[in-house]
Amino acid sequence: MNLYILLLVVTTLAVVLSRRTMYSILFLILLFAMMAVFVLSLKVDFIGLIFVIVYVGAIATLFLFIIMMLGGEDWISDPAMDVETYQLLLGCGYRSN
């Protein structure tokens, strides 16, 4: 359980520290899904399903489509892809094992 909470904190830091809006939203979707799994592991099924339906299904997807429609960053053709954020994630994941 402590490892899972550490992964939640690392994903939260990735949302905040990501320099690109698109990556931040994708990390936010991952965070919402992980929170739903955490709530489901506490045997609160209804709240976990509401997390998935409301937050991941509606709000985060709406953020994603708005950023894409407004012409956010050119995130597909950039080979550098926020190296610092991924180094942070891999480093914390490596240290926790």
Protein backbone atom coordinates (compact mmCIF):
# COMPACT_ATOMS: atom_id res chain seq x y z
CA MET A 1 0.00 0.00 0.00
CA ASN A 2 2.86 2.39 0.73
CA LEU A 3 4.30 1.80 -2.74
CA TYR A 4 0.97 2.67 -4.32
CA ILE A 5 0.70 5.90 -2.33
CA LEU A 6 4.25 6.76 -3.41
CA LEU A 7 3.21 6.23 -7.05
CA LEU A 8 0.22 8.53 -6.50
CA VAL A 9 2.50 11.25 -5.14
CA VAL A 10 4.96 10.84 -8.02
CA THR A 11 2.15 11.05 -10.57
CA THR A 12 0.84 14.18 -8.84
CA LEU A 13 4.30 15.73 -9.07
CA ALA A 14 4.42 14.80 -12.76
CA VAL A 15 1.13 16.65 -13.32
CA VAL A 16 2.47 19.76 -11.63
CA LEU A 17 6.05 19.68 -12.96
CA SER A 18 5.30 18.78 -16.58
CA ARG A 19 6.19 21.66 -18.87
CA ARG A 20 3.78 20.71 -21.64
CA THR A 21 0.05 21.00 -21.17
CA MET A 22 -0.74 17.82 -23.07
CA TYR A 23 1.55 15.69 -20.90
CA SER A 24 0.16 17.27 -17.78
CA ILE A 25 -3.37 16.31 -18.80
CA LEU A 26 -2.31 12.77 -19.66
CA PHE A 27 -0.66 12.44 -16.25
CA LEU A 28 -3.86 13.86 -14.72
CA ILE A 29 -5.90 11.13 -16.42
CA LEU A 30 -3.46 8.54 -15.07
CA LEU A 31 -3.77 10.09 -11.60
CA PHE A 32 -7.57 9.96 -11.69
CA ALA A 33 -7.48 6.31 -12.74
CA MET A 34 -5.02 5.47 -9.97
CA MET A 35 -7.20 7.26 -7.42
CA ALA A 36 -10.19 5.23 -8.59
CA VAL A 37 -8.22 2.01 -8.07
CA PHE A 38 -7.18 3.23 -4.62
CA VAL A 39 -10.78 3.97 -3.64
CA LEU A 40 -11.90 0.60 -5.04
CA SER A 41 -9.25 -1.11 -2.90
CA LEU A 42 -10.87 0.50 0.17
CA LYS A 43 -14.13 -1.34 -0.74
CA VAL A 44 -16.01 1.83 -1.69
CA ASP A 45 -17.14 0.66 -5.11
CA PHE A 46 -19.64 3.39 -5.95
CA ILE A 47 -17.22 6.25 -5.30
CA GLY A 48 -14.50 4.51 -7.31
CA LEU A 49 -16.79 4.09 -10.30
CA ILE A 50 -17.90 7.72 -10.01
CA PHE A 51 -14.21 8.74 -10.13
CA VAL A 52 -13.79 6.87 -13.39
CA ILE A 53 -17.00 8.05 -15.01
CA VAL A 54 -16.97 11.69 -13.93
CA TYR A 55 -13.31 12.61 -13.70
CA VAL A 56 -11.61 10.43 -16.31
CA GLY A 57 -14.55 10.10 -18.63
CA ALA A 58 -15.76 13.67 -18.66
CA ILE A 59 -13.53 16.31 -17.14
CA ALA A 60 -10.08 15.08 -18.20
CA THR A 61 -11.28 14.19 -21.68
CA LEU A 62 -12.84 17.64 -21.98
CA PHE A 63 -9.52 19.24 -20.98
CA LEU A 64 -7.74 17.09 -23.55
CA PHE A 65 -10.07 18.02 -26.40
CA ILE A 66 -10.06 21.72 -25.54
CA ILE A 67 -6.26 21.85 -25.57
CA MET A 68 -6.17 19.97 -28.87
CA MET A 69 -8.81 22.22 -30.44
CA LEU A 70 -7.08 25.39 -29.33
CA GLY A 71 -3.92 24.22 -31.02
CA GLY A 72 -1.74 23.46 -28.03
CA GLU A 73 1.87 22.51 -28.39
CA ASP A 74 3.22 20.45 -31.23
CA TRP A 75 3.76 17.51 -28.90
CA ILE A 76 4.01 14.66 -31.39
CA SER A 77 6.97 15.87 -33.42
CA ASP A 78 9.10 16.89 -30.41
CA PRO A 79 11.74 14.21 -29.72
CA ALA A 80 12.84 15.69 -26.36
CA MET A 81 9.47 15.00 -24.62
CA ASP A 82 10.15 16.44 -21.16
CA VAL A 83 13.15 14.37 -20.22
CA GLU A 84 13.29 15.77 -16.67
CA THR A 85 9.78 14.59 -15.82
CA TYR A 86 10.45 11.06 -17.05
CA GLN A 87 13.77 10.96 -15.21
CA LEU A 88 11.93 11.96 -12.04
CA LEU A 89 9.32 9.25 -12.54
CA LEU A 90 11.85 6.53 -13.35
CA GLY A 91 14.11 7.56 -10.50
CA CYS A 92 11.32 7.44 -7.91
CA GLY A 93 10.05 4.15 -9.30
CA TYR A 94 13.54 2.67 -9.19
CA ARG A 95 14.18 3.84 -5.63
CA SER A 96 10.88 2.41 -4.38
CA ASN A 97 11.77 -1.13 -5.53
